[in-house]
N, C-alpha and C. Protein backbone atom coordinates (compact mmCIF):
# COMPACT_ATOMS: atom_id res chain seq x y z
N TRP A 1 -39.06 -19.80 -3.50
CA TRP A 1 -38.79 -19.40 -5.11
C TRP A 1 -37.42 -18.88 -5.25
N ASN A 2 -36.78 -19.41 -6.20
CA ASN A 2 -35.18 -18.75 -6.50
C ASN A 2 -35.43 -18.27 -7.82
N LEU A 3 -35.45 -16.60 -7.99
CA LEU A 3 -35.80 -16.12 -9.50
C LEU A 3 -34.02 -15.90 -9.75
N ARG A 4 -33.97 -15.91 -11.05
CA ARG A 4 -32.82 -15.55 -11.80
C ARG A 4 -33.36 -14.32 -12.50
N LEU A 5 -32.51 -13.34 -12.36
CA LEU A 5 -32.77 -11.94 -13.29
C LEU A 5 -31.79 -12.36 -14.27
N ASP A 6 -32.16 -12.00 -15.45
CA ASP A 6 -31.33 -11.86 -16.32
C ASP A 6 -31.29 -10.49 -17.46
N VAL A 7 -30.51 -9.46 -16.58
CA VAL A 7 -30.56 -8.03 -17.40
C VAL A 7 -29.63 -7.97 -18.35
N GLY A 8 -30.22 -7.40 -19.46
CA GLY A 8 -29.52 -6.90 -20.81
C GLY A 8 -30.33 -6.77 -21.68
N LEU A 9 -29.62 -6.35 -22.88
CA LEU A 9 -30.59 -5.65 -24.13
C LEU A 9 -31.11 -6.81 -24.89
N GLN A 10 -32.17 -7.03 -25.17
CA GLN A 10 -33.03 -7.70 -25.94
C GLN A 10 -33.16 -7.30 -27.66
N PRO A 11 -32.68 -7.88 -28.62
CA PRO A 11 -32.87 -7.54 -29.89
C PRO A 11 -34.06 -7.12 -30.07
N GLY A 12 -34.08 -6.01 -30.64
CA GLY A 12 -35.52 -5.39 -31.31
C GLY A 12 -35.93 -4.66 -30.27
N THR A 13 -35.54 -4.16 -29.14
CA THR A 13 -36.35 -3.53 -28.32
C THR A 13 -36.10 -2.07 -28.18
N TRP A 14 -36.96 -1.27 -27.57
CA TRP A 14 -36.85 0.41 -27.71
C TRP A 14 -35.30 0.79 -27.07
N MET A 15 -34.95 -0.08 -26.18
CA MET A 15 -33.77 0.63 -25.14
C MET A 15 -32.61 1.34 -26.12
N PRO A 16 -32.21 0.73 -26.91
CA PRO A 16 -31.03 1.56 -27.61
C PRO A 16 -31.63 2.81 -28.03
N LYS A 17 -32.79 3.21 -28.52
CA LYS A 17 -33.18 4.40 -29.05
C LYS A 17 -33.65 5.53 -27.85
N ARG A 18 -33.89 4.84 -26.77
CA ARG A 18 -34.14 5.60 -25.70
C ARG A 18 -33.21 6.20 -24.85
N PHE A 19 -32.30 5.03 -24.86
CA PHE A 19 -30.81 5.59 -23.84
C PHE A 19 -29.83 5.22 -24.66
N PRO A 20 -29.44 5.67 -25.46
CA PRO A 20 -28.21 5.50 -26.23
C PRO A 20 -26.66 4.94 -25.24
N GLY A 21 -26.40 3.88 -25.96
CA GLY A 21 -25.14 3.44 -25.17
C GLY A 21 -25.70 2.18 -24.09
N TRP A 22 -26.83 2.30 -23.91
CA TRP A 22 -27.27 1.32 -22.97
C TRP A 22 -27.28 0.04 -23.54
N GLY A 23 -26.38 -0.98 -23.14
CA GLY A 23 -26.04 -2.37 -23.23
C GLY A 23 -25.53 -2.57 -24.68
N GLU A 24 -24.57 -1.38 -24.93
CA GLU A 24 -23.87 -1.94 -26.32
C GLU A 24 -23.36 -3.25 -26.38
N SER A 25 -22.68 -3.72 -25.16
CA SER A 25 -21.57 -4.44 -25.07
C SER A 25 -22.02 -5.71 -25.34
N GLY A 26 -23.46 -6.11 -25.49
CA GLY A 26 -23.76 -7.12 -25.31
C GLY A 26 -23.98 -8.22 -24.13
N ALA A 27 -23.48 -7.67 -23.13
CA ALA A 27 -23.33 -8.51 -22.13
C ALA A 27 -24.45 -8.88 -21.25
N ARG A 28 -24.71 -9.70 -20.51
CA ARG A 28 -25.82 -10.03 -19.66
C ARG A 28 -25.23 -9.94 -17.81
N LEU A 29 -26.39 -9.52 -17.03
CA LEU A 29 -26.03 -9.73 -15.55
C LEU A 29 -27.18 -10.52 -15.00
N PRO A 30 -26.65 -11.55 -14.88
CA PRO A 30 -27.56 -12.57 -14.18
C PRO A 30 -27.66 -12.33 -12.57
N ILE A 31 -28.32 -12.06 -11.98
CA ILE A 31 -28.66 -11.84 -10.57
C ILE A 31 -29.44 -13.24 -9.85
N ASN A 32 -29.36 -13.76 -8.98
CA ASN A 32 -30.37 -14.56 -8.10
C ASN A 32 -31.10 -13.95 -6.96
N VAL A 33 -32.30 -14.13 -6.84
CA VAL A 33 -32.76 -13.61 -5.55
C VAL A 33 -33.86 -14.56 -4.98
N ASP A 34 -33.76 -15.02 -3.66
CA ASP A 34 -35.01 -15.76 -3.15
C ASP A 34 -35.82 -15.01 -2.93
N VAL A 35 -37.43 -15.24 -3.23
CA VAL A 35 -38.65 -14.66 -3.02
C VAL A 35 -39.79 -15.76 -2.58
N GLU A 36 -40.53 -14.95 -2.12
CA GLU A 36 -42.09 -16.02 -1.41
C GLU A 36 -42.96 -14.80 -2.44
N PHE A 37 -43.94 -15.89 -2.95
CA PHE A 37 -45.42 -15.53 -3.82
C PHE A 37 -46.39 -15.30 -2.62
N THR A 38 -46.98 -14.31 -2.41
CA THR A 38 -48.25 -14.27 -1.73
C THR A 38 -49.54 -14.04 -1.89
N THR A 39 -50.59 -14.35 -1.39
CA THR A 39 -52.14 -14.07 -1.88
C THR A 39 -52.38 -12.68 -1.20
N THR A 40 -51.48 -11.81 -0.55
CA THR A 40 -51.70 -10.58 -0.51
C THR A 40 -51.97 -9.40 -1.17
N PRO A 41 -53.47 -8.82 -1.57
CA PRO A 41 -53.36 -7.93 -2.63
C PRO A 41 -52.33 -7.03 -2.47
N SER A 42 -51.68 -6.22 -3.80
CA SER A 42 -51.02 -5.33 -3.75
C SER A 42 -51.75 -3.92 -3.35
N PRO A 43 -50.96 -3.11 -2.60
CA PRO A 43 -51.62 -1.55 -2.31
C PRO A 43 -51.09 -1.01 -3.66
N THR A 44 -50.63 -1.20 -4.53
CA THR A 44 -50.20 -0.45 -5.93
C THR A 44 -50.39 -1.41 -7.03
N ARG A 45 -50.69 -0.44 -8.10
CA ARG A 45 -50.76 -0.93 -9.40
C ARG A 45 -49.37 -0.92 -10.29
N GLU A 46 -49.27 -1.86 -10.86
CA GLU A 46 -48.11 -1.51 -11.94
C GLU A 46 -48.54 -2.01 -13.21
N SER A 47 -48.56 -1.18 -14.21
CA SER A 47 -49.12 -1.66 -15.48
C SER A 47 -48.45 -2.61 -16.37
N LEU A 48 -47.27 -2.79 -16.36
CA LEU A 48 -46.63 -3.68 -16.79
C LEU A 48 -46.88 -5.22 -16.39
N VAL A 49 -47.62 -5.20 -15.35
CA VAL A 49 -47.83 -6.46 -14.55
C VAL A 49 -49.33 -7.19 -14.78
N GLY A 50 -49.94 -6.11 -14.55
CA GLY A 50 -51.58 -6.22 -14.69
C GLY A 50 -52.32 -5.76 -14.03
N PRO A 51 -53.89 -6.01 -14.20
CA PRO A 51 -54.65 -5.23 -13.37
C PRO A 51 -54.57 -5.37 -11.91
N LYS A 52 -54.88 -4.32 -11.14
CA LYS A 52 -54.51 -4.09 -9.61
C LYS A 52 -55.29 -5.36 -8.83
N ASP A 53 -56.02 -5.82 -9.33
CA ASP A 53 -57.04 -6.80 -8.53
C ASP A 53 -56.33 -8.41 -8.74
N GLN A 54 -55.41 -8.26 -9.55
CA GLN A 54 -54.81 -9.37 -9.78
C GLN A 54 -52.87 -9.39 -9.85
N THR A 55 -52.93 -8.46 -8.92
CA THR A 55 -51.47 -7.88 -8.69
C THR A 55 -51.06 -8.22 -6.78
N PHE A 56 -50.21 -9.10 -6.59
CA PHE A 56 -49.79 -9.42 -5.36
C PHE A 56 -48.73 -8.85 -4.86
N VAL A 57 -48.47 -9.20 -3.69
CA VAL A 57 -46.97 -8.68 -2.88
C VAL A 57 -46.21 -9.75 -3.07
N LEU A 58 -45.03 -9.44 -3.47
CA LEU A 58 -43.98 -10.45 -3.49
C LEU A 58 -42.73 -9.92 -2.26
N ASN A 59 -42.64 -11.09 -1.25
CA ASN A 59 -41.82 -10.70 -0.32
C ASN A 59 -40.59 -11.52 -0.79
N ILE A 60 -39.18 -10.30 -0.35
CA ILE A 60 -38.08 -10.88 -0.62
C ILE A 60 -37.40 -11.57 0.20
N ILE A 61 -36.74 -12.72 0.24
CA ILE A 61 -36.44 -13.62 1.48
C ILE A 61 -35.09 -12.91 1.43
N SER A 62 -34.02 -13.17 0.16
CA SER A 62 -32.83 -12.90 0.46
C SER A 62 -32.83 -11.24 -0.11
N LYS A 63 -32.24 -10.58 1.01
CA LYS A 63 -32.44 -8.87 0.63
C LYS A 63 -31.34 -8.45 -0.30
N THR A 64 -30.27 -9.13 -0.37
CA THR A 64 -28.87 -8.73 -1.29
C THR A 64 -28.81 -9.46 -2.14
N SER A 65 -28.05 -8.99 -3.17
CA SER A 65 -27.17 -9.84 -4.42
C SER A 65 -25.97 -9.50 -4.60
N THR A 66 -25.22 -10.17 -5.12
CA THR A 66 -24.05 -9.16 -5.56
C THR A 66 -23.70 -9.29 -7.19
N PHE A 67 -22.71 -8.50 -7.67
CA PHE A 67 -22.33 -9.11 -9.17
C PHE A 67 -20.86 -8.09 -9.29
N VAL A 68 -19.99 -8.65 -10.17
CA VAL A 68 -19.23 -8.21 -10.10
C VAL A 68 -19.21 -7.22 -11.73
N SER A 69 -18.56 -6.11 -11.64
CA SER A 69 -18.92 -5.12 -12.95
C SER A 69 -17.21 -4.63 -12.75
N GLU A 70 -16.96 -3.68 -14.13
CA GLU A 70 -15.43 -2.96 -14.07
C GLU A 70 -15.25 -2.58 -13.02
N SER A 71 -16.36 -1.99 -12.30
CA SER A 71 -15.72 -1.01 -10.75
C SER A 71 -15.72 -1.91 -9.62
N GLY A 72 -15.87 -3.23 -10.09
CA GLY A 72 -15.47 -4.50 -9.11
C GLY A 72 -16.98 -4.83 -8.39
N GLN A 73 -16.41 -5.47 -7.02
CA GLN A 73 -17.99 -6.12 -6.65
C GLN A 73 -19.23 -5.22 -6.17
N GLN A 74 -20.30 -5.22 -6.93
CA GLN A 74 -21.16 -4.26 -6.12
C GLN A 74 -22.54 -5.25 -5.35
N VAL A 75 -23.31 -4.38 -4.77
CA VAL A 75 -24.27 -4.90 -3.87
C VAL A 75 -25.60 -4.54 -4.38
N VAL A 76 -26.68 -5.38 -4.63
CA VAL A 76 -28.29 -4.97 -4.91
C VAL A 76 -28.84 -4.94 -3.65
N THR A 77 -29.43 -4.06 -3.48
CA THR A 77 -30.79 -4.43 -2.17
C THR A 77 -31.64 -4.23 -2.76
N TYR A 78 -32.54 -5.37 -2.39
CA TYR A 78 -34.23 -5.34 -2.87
C TYR A 78 -34.95 -4.88 -1.18
N ALA A 79 -36.25 -4.45 -1.70
CA ALA A 79 -37.40 -4.40 -0.79
C ALA A 79 -38.76 -5.28 -1.11
N ASP A 80 -39.16 -5.40 -0.28
CA ASP A 80 -40.60 -5.49 -0.67
C ASP A 80 -41.80 -4.95 -1.09
N SER A 81 -42.23 -5.44 -2.18
CA SER A 81 -43.19 -4.88 -3.25
C SER A 81 -44.45 -5.40 -3.59
N GLY A 82 -45.19 -4.67 -4.41
CA GLY A 82 -46.49 -5.40 -4.63
C GLY A 82 -46.35 -5.67 -6.06
């Protein structure tokens, strides 16, 4: 699978109150990453994802992505996780 991550401020969310200045430009950060969904149970729980018995390991196929910021080209590195 190719996932497209679209990072940015969503109207009405709590981010501006908790992190002043975050996302004020309104810009979005699109990042593509190739992944494999598995049936291997996750060793950890993430409350935003759901119950541990329904959380599975996600294998990252493309270990890096790039994007351009005001600092130039940036590289994001991923790790497999539950």
